[in-house]
Amino acid sequence: MNWKRWFVLSFVGCFCAAINASDPFVIRAVNTTQPVVALTFDDGPGRYTDDILDILKVHQSKASFFLIGSKLRRYQGYVKRIEKEDHTIGNHSYNHHHITVQSHAELLKNIAKSQLIFNDVLGRLPIYFRPPYGEVSLEQETLLKKHFSYLVRWSIDPKDWDKKQDSSAIVNHILMTLKPGVIIVLHERKQTVKLLPELIVAIQQKGYQLVSLDSLLRF
């Protein structure tokens, strides 16, 4: 790995974090009365990314994608489409391994490998990070804050990754807990793609607009 290149890019990342220092680093929702919510998709890019983008386009909605670094080059056409269509892109680690069992050095290497690939594919560094499985220690949050502006959690998790969950239960869980400024976590999987049109329509019928994280943070 080109560590000299990583340190230069890391300095840029630190500057990004510095100019956002007035904002909370860990975000689960945004405090707003405006009828806006954020759909976020984890674990891509992959076979379902294009389908999700097609659905979002039909329903004139924006979302955010937390992508795994090791998949970026294989699916870089999808990654560039995400950016072109004005959705937010975040880093979801290099390989989706549990980071809480990683040493300080291992986590730095993980960040470096993934951020270098993001920079190669997109020409920039993501300012958002979401830890795999949502697991991160307080010490690791301090480390990550040096390289990202935001660590993004969520306020609604319908557990769409659970094969025991049916589509109606997932949609109902989201609709029952919906309120302005929430961040919803979903995953790039077959069942989620199937329920997505129904979910988006139902959210819109409640008067909400689906926006990217970039937009949500401006409210």
C-alpha atoms as a PDB file:
ATOM      1  CA  MET A   1       0.000   0.000   0.000  1.00  0.00           C
ATOM      2  CA  ASN A   2       1.169   3.519  -0.763  1.00  0.00           C
ATOM      3  CA  TRP A   3       1.301   4.821   2.822  1.00  0.00           C
ATOM      4  CA  LYS A   4       2.740   8.205   1.821  1.00  0.00           C
ATOM      5  CA  ARG A   5      -0.293   8.740  -0.380  1.00  0.00           C
ATOM      6  CA  TRP A   6      -2.569   7.641   2.464  1.00  0.00           C
ATOM      7  CA  PHE A   7      -1.047  10.133   4.902  1.00  0.00           C
ATOM      8  CA  VAL A   8      -1.563  12.984   2.422  1.00  0.00           C
ATOM      9  CA  LEU A   9      -5.193  11.973   1.890  1.00  0.00           C
ATOM     10  CA  SER A  10      -5.612  11.478   5.625  1.00  0.00           C
ATOM     11  CA  PHE A  11      -4.535  15.074   6.217  1.00  0.00           C
ATOM     12  CA  VAL A  12      -7.283  16.191   3.820  1.00  0.00           C
ATOM     13  CA  GLY A  13      -9.739  13.994   5.722  1.00  0.00           C
ATOM     14  CA  CYS A  14      -8.704  15.553   9.019  1.00  0.00           C
ATOM     15  CA  PHE A  15      -9.266  19.007   7.536  1.00  0.00           C
ATOM     16  CA  CYS A  16     -12.761  17.907   6.469  1.00  0.00           C
ATOM     17  CA  ALA A  17     -13.517  16.810  10.020  1.00  0.00           C
ATOM     18  CA  ALA A  18     -12.122  20.035  11.410  1.00  0.00           C
ATOM     19  CA  ILE A  19     -14.376  22.274   9.349  1.00  0.00           C
ATOM     20  CA  ASN A  20     -17.376  20.297  10.642  1.00  0.00           C
ATOM     21  CA  ALA A  21     -16.231  20.376  14.263  1.00  0.00           C
ATOM     22  CA  SER A  22     -19.315  22.291  15.373  1.00  0.00           C
ATOM     23  CA  ASP A  23     -21.524  19.357  14.351  1.00  0.00           C
ATOM     24  CA  PRO A  24     -21.957  16.195  16.436  1.00  0.00           C
ATOM     25  CA  PHE A  25     -19.711  13.403  15.170  1.00  0.00           C
ATOM     26  CA  VAL A  26     -22.066  10.497  15.885  1.00  0.00           C
ATOM     27  CA  ILE A  27     -25.487  10.984  14.311  1.00  0.00           C
ATOM     28  CA  ARG A  28     -28.573   8.799  14.611  1.00  0.00           C
ATOM     29  CA  ALA A  29     -31.100  11.380  13.439  1.00  0.00           C
ATOM     30  CA  VAL A  30     -31.394  15.084  12.739  1.00  0.00           C
ATOM     31  CA  ASN A  31     -33.414  17.372  14.996  1.00  0.00           C
ATOM     32  CA  THR A  32     -35.886  18.993  12.596  1.00  0.00           C
ATOM     33  CA  THR A  33     -39.594  19.631  12.237  1.00  0.00           C
ATOM     34  CA  GLN A  34     -39.376  19.397   8.458  1.00  0.00           C
ATOM     35  CA  PRO A  35     -40.990  16.254   6.946  1.00  0.00           C
ATOM     36  CA  VAL A  36     -37.738  14.708   5.711  1.00  0.00           C
ATOM     37  CA  VAL A  37     -36.241  11.271   6.376  1.00  0.00           C
ATOM     38  CA  ALA A  38     -33.134   9.437   5.169  1.00  0.00           C
ATOM     39  CA  LEU A  39     -33.065   5.934   3.713  1.00  0.00           C
ATOM     40  CA  THR A  40     -29.612   4.362   3.988  1.00  0.00           C
ATOM     41  CA  PHE A  41     -28.435   1.137   2.379  1.00  0.00           C
ATOM     42  CA  ASP A  42     -25.557  -0.959   3.739  1.00  0.00           C
ATOM     43  CA  ASP A  43     -23.224  -3.629   2.354  1.00  0.00           C
ATOM     44  CA  GLY A  44     -23.099  -2.685  -1.335  1.00  0.00           C
ATOM     45  CA  PRO A  45     -22.200  -2.219  -4.047  1.00  0.00           C
ATOM     46  CA  GLY A  46     -23.475  -5.442  -5.552  1.00  0.00           C
ATOM     47  CA  ARG A  47     -26.082  -7.214  -7.630  1.00  0.00           C
ATOM     48  CA  TYR A  48     -29.003  -5.204  -6.214  1.00  0.00           C
ATOM     49  CA  THR A  49     -27.506  -1.694  -6.344  1.00  0.00           C
ATOM     50  CA  ASP A  50     -28.775  -0.970  -9.838  1.00  0.00           C
ATOM     51  CA  ASP A  51     -32.296  -2.151  -8.950  1.00  0.00           C
ATOM     52  CA  ILE A  52     -32.398   0.109  -5.895  1.00  0.00           C
ATOM     53  CA  LEU A  53     -31.223   3.080  -7.959  1.00  0.00           C
ATOM     54  CA  ASP A  54     -33.887   2.392 -10.576  1.00  0.00           C
ATOM     55  CA  ILE A  55     -36.626   2.378  -7.911  1.00  0.00           C
ATOM     56  CA  LEU A  56     -35.344   5.566  -6.290  1.00  0.00           C
ATOM     57  CA  LYS A  57     -35.292   7.277  -9.685  1.00  0.00           C
ATOM     58  CA  VAL A  58     -38.879   6.257 -10.505  1.00  0.00           C
ATOM     59  CA  HIS A  59     -40.085   7.635  -7.166  1.00  0.00           C
ATOM     60  CA  GLN A  60     -37.922  10.770  -7.313  1.00  0.00           C
ATOM     61  CA  SER A  61     -36.231   9.938  -4.017  1.00  0.00           C
ATOM     62  CA  LYS A  62     -32.684  10.232  -2.739  1.00  0.00           C
ATOM     63  CA  ALA A  63     -30.829   7.864  -0.432  1.00  0.00           C
ATOM     64  CA  SER A  64     -27.400   7.154   1.041  1.00  0.00           C
ATOM     65  CA  PHE A  65     -25.201   4.140   0.358  1.00  0.00           C
ATOM     66  CA  PHE A  66     -22.589   2.801   2.780  1.00  0.00           C
ATOM     67  CA  LEU A  67     -20.241   0.828   0.578  1.00  0.00           C
ATOM     68  CA  ILE A  68     -17.606  -1.820   1.295  1.00  0.00           C
ATOM     69  CA  GLY A  69     -14.187  -0.853  -0.024  1.00  0.00           C
ATOM     70  CA  SER A  70     -13.203  -4.280  -1.333  1.00  0.00           C
ATOM     71  CA  LYS A  71     -16.247  -4.290  -3.674  1.00  0.00           C
ATOM     72  CA  LEU A  72     -15.764  -0.854  -5.221  1.00  0.00           C
ATOM     73  CA  ARG A  73     -13.573  -1.693  -8.194  1.00  0.00           C
ATOM     74  CA  ARG A  74     -15.698  -4.664  -9.257  1.00  0.00           C
ATOM     75  CA  TYR A  75     -18.872  -2.553  -9.232  1.00  0.00           C
ATOM     76  CA  GLN A  76     -17.422   0.872  -9.907  1.00  0.00           C
ATOM     77  CA  GLY A  77     -20.026   1.554 -12.607  1.00  0.00           C
ATOM     78  CA  TYR A  78     -22.721   1.328  -9.936  1.00  0.00           C
ATOM     79  CA  VAL A  79     -20.678   3.486  -7.559  1.00  0.00           C
ATOM     80  CA  LYS A  80     -20.339   6.209 -10.170  1.00  0.00           C
ATOM     81  CA  ARG A  81     -24.056   6.001 -10.911  1.00  0.00           C
ATOM     82  CA  ILE A  82     -24.831   6.526  -7.198  1.00  0.00           C
ATOM     83  CA  GLU A  83     -22.781   9.700  -7.241  1.00  0.00           C
ATOM     84  CA  LYS A  84     -24.073  10.905 -10.624  1.00  0.00           C
ATOM     85  CA  GLU A  85     -27.676  10.625  -9.428  1.00  0.00           C
ATOM     86  CA  ASP A  86     -26.900  12.757  -6.356  1.00  0.00           C
ATOM     87  CA  HIS A  87     -27.123  10.153  -3.612  1.00  0.00           C
ATOM     88  CA  THR A  88     -24.736  10.220  -0.648  1.00  0.00           C
ATOM     89  CA  ILE A  89     -21.840   7.749  -0.444  1.00  0.00           C
ATOM     90  CA  GLY A  90     -20.282   6.611   2.835  1.00  0.00           C
ATOM     91  CA  ASN A  91     -17.527   4.210   3.871  1.00  0.00           C
ATOM     92  CA  HIS A  92     -18.632   0.902   5.426  1.00  0.00           C
ATOM     93  CA  SER A  93     -15.081  -0.418   6.027  1.00  0.00           C
ATOM     94  CA  TYR A  94     -12.825  -2.356   3.687  1.00  0.00           C
ATOM     95  CA  ASN A  95     -14.161  -5.870   4.283  1.00  0.00           C
ATOM     96  CA  HIS A  96     -17.161  -5.680   6.664  1.00  0.00           C
ATOM     97  CA  HIS A  97     -15.323  -7.423   9.489  1.00  0.00           C
ATOM     98  CA  HIS A  98     -16.093  -6.587  13.129  1.00  0.00           C
ATOM     99  CA  ILE A  99     -13.879  -3.626  13.976  1.00  0.00           C
ATOM    100  CA  THR A 100     -14.264  -3.915  17.756  1.00  0.00           C
ATOM    101  CA  VAL A 101     -11.844  -6.869  17.716  1.00  0.00           C
ATOM    102  CA  GLN A 102      -9.293  -4.950  15.636  1.00  0.00           C
ATOM    103  CA  SER A 103      -6.259  -3.269  17.139  1.00  0.00           C
ATOM    104  CA  HIS A 104      -5.566   0.416  16.661  1.00  0.00           C
ATOM    105  CA  ALA A 105      -3.116  -0.423  13.859  1.00  0.00           C
ATOM    106  CA  GLU A 106      -5.500  -2.876  12.181  1.00  0.00           C
ATOM    107  CA  LEU A 107      -8.318  -0.335  12.133  1.00  0.00           C
ATOM    108  CA  LEU A 108      -6.032   2.328  10.672  1.00  0.00           C
ATOM    109  CA  LYS A 109      -5.013  -0.111   7.939  1.00  0.00           C
ATOM    110  CA  ASN A 110      -8.682  -0.915   7.289  1.00  0.00           C
ATOM    111  CA  ILE A 111      -9.494   2.787   6.934  1.00  0.00           C
ATOM    112  CA  ALA A 112      -6.467   3.445   4.752  1.00  0.00           C
ATOM    113  CA  LYS A 113      -7.180   0.567   2.344  1.00  0.00           C
ATOM    114  CA  SER A 114     -10.823   1.528   1.932  1.00  0.00           C
ATOM    115  CA  GLN A 115     -10.311   5.285   1.646  1.00  0.00           C
ATOM    116  CA  LEU A 116      -7.593   4.881  -0.987  1.00  0.00           C
ATOM    117  CA  ILE A 117      -9.964   2.804  -3.117  1.00  0.00           C
ATOM    118  CA  PHE A 118     -12.786   5.324  -2.670  1.00  0.00           C
ATOM    119  CA  ASN A 119     -10.402   8.044  -3.763  1.00  0.00           C
ATOM    120  CA  ASP A 120      -9.294   6.040  -6.819  1.00  0.00           C
ATOM    121  CA  VAL A 121     -12.878   5.337  -7.923  1.00  0.00           C
ATOM    122  CA  LEU A 122     -14.535   8.650  -7.007  1.00  0.00           C
ATOM    123  CA  GLY A 123     -11.637  11.070  -6.859  1.00  0.00           C
ATOM    124  CA  ARG A 124     -12.474  12.052  -3.300  1.00  0.00           C
ATOM    125  CA  LEU A 125     -12.695  10.751   0.267  1.00  0.00           C
ATOM    126  CA  PRO A 126     -16.076   9.957   1.868  1.00  0.00           C
ATOM    127  CA  ILE A 127     -16.756  12.033   4.984  1.00  0.00           C
ATOM    128  CA  TYR A 128     -19.258   9.513   6.387  1.00  0.00           C
ATOM    129  CA  PHE A 129     -18.411   6.211   8.097  1.00  0.00           C
ATOM    130  CA  ARG A 130     -20.726   3.480   9.335  1.00  0.00           C
ATOM    131  CA  PRO A 131     -19.111   0.638  11.300  1.00  0.00           C
ATOM    132  CA  PRO A 132     -20.044  -2.917  10.262  1.00  0.00           C
ATOM    133  CA  TYR A 133     -22.882  -4.261  12.409  1.00  0.00           C
ATOM    134  CA  GLY A 134     -23.033  -0.840  14.082  1.00  0.00           C
ATOM    135  CA  GLU A 135     -20.318  -1.933  16.508  1.00  0.00           C
ATOM    136  CA  VAL A 136     -17.628   0.537  17.562  1.00  0.00           C
ATOM    137  CA  SER A 137     -15.860   1.361  20.831  1.00  0.00           C
ATOM    138  CA  LEU A 138     -15.462   4.857  22.272  1.00  0.00           C
ATOM    139  CA  GLU A 139     -11.715   4.690  21.648  1.00  0.00           C
ATOM    140  CA  GLN A 140     -12.355   3.776  18.031  1.00  0.00           C
ATOM    141  CA  GLU A 141     -14.796   6.654  17.673  1.00  0.00           C
ATOM    142  CA  THR A 142     -11.957   8.984  18.701  1.00  0.00           C
ATOM    143  CA  LEU A 143      -9.686   7.445  16.064  1.00  0.00           C
ATOM    144  CA  LEU A 144     -12.345   7.559  13.350  1.00  0.00           C
ATOM    145  CA  LYS A 145     -13.072  11.206  14.100  1.00  0.00           C
ATOM    146  CA  LYS A 146      -9.596  12.045  12.781  1.00  0.00           C
ATOM    147  CA  HIS A 147     -10.523  10.683   9.349  1.00  0.00           C
ATOM    148  CA  PHE A 148     -14.275  11.272   8.938  1.00  0.00           C
ATOM    149  CA  SER A 149     -16.678  14.111   9.633  1.00  0.00           C
ATOM    150  CA  TYR A 150     -19.554  11.865  10.717  1.00  0.00           C
ATOM    151  CA  LEU A 151     -20.067   8.409  12.155  1.00  0.00           C
ATOM    152  CA  VAL A 152     -23.574   7.516  11.037  1.00  0.00           C
ATOM    153  CA  ARG A 153     -25.783   5.239  13.106  1.00  0.00           C
ATOM    154  CA  TRP A 154     -29.566   5.039  12.673  1.00  0.00           C
ATOM    155  CA  SER A 155     -32.849   5.663  14.471  1.00  0.00           C
ATOM    156  CA  ILE A 156     -34.948   2.981  12.736  1.00  0.00           C
ATOM    157  CA  ASP A 157     -33.720  -0.568  12.144  1.00  0.00           C
ATOM    158  CA  PRO A 158     -36.433  -2.916  10.795  1.00  0.00           C
ATOM    159  CA  LYS A 159     -33.879  -5.762  10.618  1.00  0.00           C
ATOM    160  CA  ASP A 160     -34.473  -6.414   6.941  1.00  0.00           C
ATOM    161  CA  TRP A 161     -31.388  -8.677   7.011  1.00  0.00           C
ATOM    162  CA  ASP A 162     -33.278 -11.173   9.193  1.00  0.00           C
ATOM    163  CA  LYS A 163     -34.721 -13.942   7.002  1.00  0.00           C
ATOM    164  CA  LYS A 164     -37.508 -14.447   9.576  1.00  0.00           C
ATOM    165  CA  GLN A 165     -38.832 -10.934   8.907  1.00  0.00           C
ATOM    166  CA  ASP A 166     -41.495 -10.688   6.227  1.00  0.00           C
ATOM    167  CA  SER A 167     -41.951  -7.634   4.030  1.00  0.00           C
ATOM    168  CA  SER A 168     -45.108  -6.355   5.727  1.00  0.00           C
ATOM    169  CA  ALA A 169     -43.446  -6.469   9.163  1.00  0.00           C
ATOM    170  CA  ILE A 170     -40.473  -4.487   7.855  1.00  0.00           C
ATOM    171  CA  VAL A 171     -42.643  -1.821   6.213  1.00  0.00           C
ATOM    172  CA  ASN A 172     -44.986  -1.555   9.218  1.00  0.00           C
ATOM    173  CA  HIS A 173     -42.091  -1.201  11.655  1.00  0.00           C
ATOM    174  CA  ILE A 174     -40.720   1.730   9.684  1.00  0.00           C
ATOM    175  CA  LEU A 175     -44.084   3.454   9.248  1.00  0.00           C
ATOM    176  CA  MET A 176     -45.000   3.118  12.933  1.00  0.00           C
ATOM    177  CA  THR A 177     -41.732   4.724  14.094  1.00  0.00           C
ATOM    178  CA  LEU A 178     -41.428   7.361  11.385  1.00  0.00           C
ATOM    179  CA  LYS A 179     -40.873  10.979  12.388  1.00  0.00           C
ATOM    180  CA  PRO A 180     -39.013  14.001  10.961  1.00  0.00           C
ATOM    181  CA  GLY A 181     -35.256  13.655  10.710  1.00  0.00           C
ATOM    182  CA  VAL A 182     -34.950   9.895  11.235  1.00  0.00           C
ATOM    183  CA  ILE A 183     -32.289   7.759   9.594  1.00  0.00           C
ATOM    184  CA  ILE A 184     -33.496   4.338   8.421  1.00  0.00           C
ATOM    185  CA  VAL A 185     -31.009   1.500   7.901  1.00  0.00           C
ATOM    186  CA  LEU A 186     -31.717  -1.049   5.166  1.00  0.00           C
ATOM    187  CA  HIS A 187     -29.548  -3.525   3.293  1.00  0.00           C
ATOM    188  CA  GLU A 188     -28.891  -4.382  -0.328  1.00  0.00           C
ATOM    189  CA  ARG A 189     -30.762  -7.668  -0.495  1.00  0.00           C
ATOM    190  CA  LYS A 190     -33.491  -9.256  -2.614  1.00  0.00           C
ATOM    191  CA  GLN A 191     -36.391  -8.894  -0.154  1.00  0.00           C
ATOM    192  CA  THR A 192     -35.574  -5.239   0.469  1.00  0.00           C
ATOM    193  CA  VAL A 193     -35.592  -4.501  -3.260  1.00  0.00           C
ATOM    194  CA  LYS A 194     -39.026  -6.124  -3.557  1.00  0.00           C
ATOM    195  CA  LEU A 195     -40.581  -4.130  -0.714  1.00  0.00           C
ATOM    196  CA  LEU A 196     -38.856  -0.835  -1.537  1.00  0.00           C
ATOM    197  CA  PRO A 197     -41.471   0.606  -3.957  1.00  0.00           C
ATOM    198  CA  GLU A 198     -44.282  -0.038  -1.451  1.00  0.00           C
ATOM    199  CA  LEU A 199     -42.212   1.461   1.365  1.00  0.00           C
ATOM    200  CA  ILE A 200     -41.318   4.628  -0.533  1.00  0.00           C
ATOM    201  CA  VAL A 201     -44.913   5.226  -1.614  1.00  0.00           C
ATOM    202  CA  ALA A 202     -46.177   4.688   1.941  1.00  0.00           C
ATOM    203  CA  ILE A 203     -43.607   7.127   3.360  1.00  0.00           C
ATOM    204  CA  GLN A 204     -44.476   9.726   0.720  1.00  0.00           C
ATOM    205  CA  GLN A 205     -48.185   9.304   1.398  1.00  0.00           C
ATOM    206  CA  LYS A 206     -47.470  10.262   5.006  1.00  0.00           C
ATOM    207  CA  GLY A 207     -46.134  13.555   3.668  1.00  0.00           C
ATOM    208  CA  TYR A 208     -42.425  12.834   3.975  1.00  0.00           C
ATOM    209  CA  GLN A 209     -39.653  13.482   1.469  1.00  0.00           C
ATOM    210  CA  LEU A 210     -36.812  10.976   1.163  1.00  0.00           C
ATOM    211  CA  VAL A 211     -33.493  12.829   1.086  1.00  0.00           C
ATOM    212  CA  SER A 212     -29.794  12.011   1.134  1.00  0.00           C
ATOM    213  CA  LEU A 213     -27.690  12.481   4.255  1.00  0.00           C
ATOM    214  CA  ASP A 214     -26.015  15.464   2.622  1.00  0.00           C
ATOM    215  CA  SER A 215     -29.431  17.113   2.349  1.00  0.00           C
ATOM    216  CA  LEU A 216     -30.732  15.910   5.732  1.00  0.00           C
ATOM    217  CA  LEU A 217     -27.837  17.529   7.575  1.00  0.00           C
ATOM    218  CA  ARG A 218     -28.779  20.898   6.107  1.00  0.00           C
ATOM    219  CA  PHE A 219     -32.182  20.892   7.856  1.00  0.00           C
END
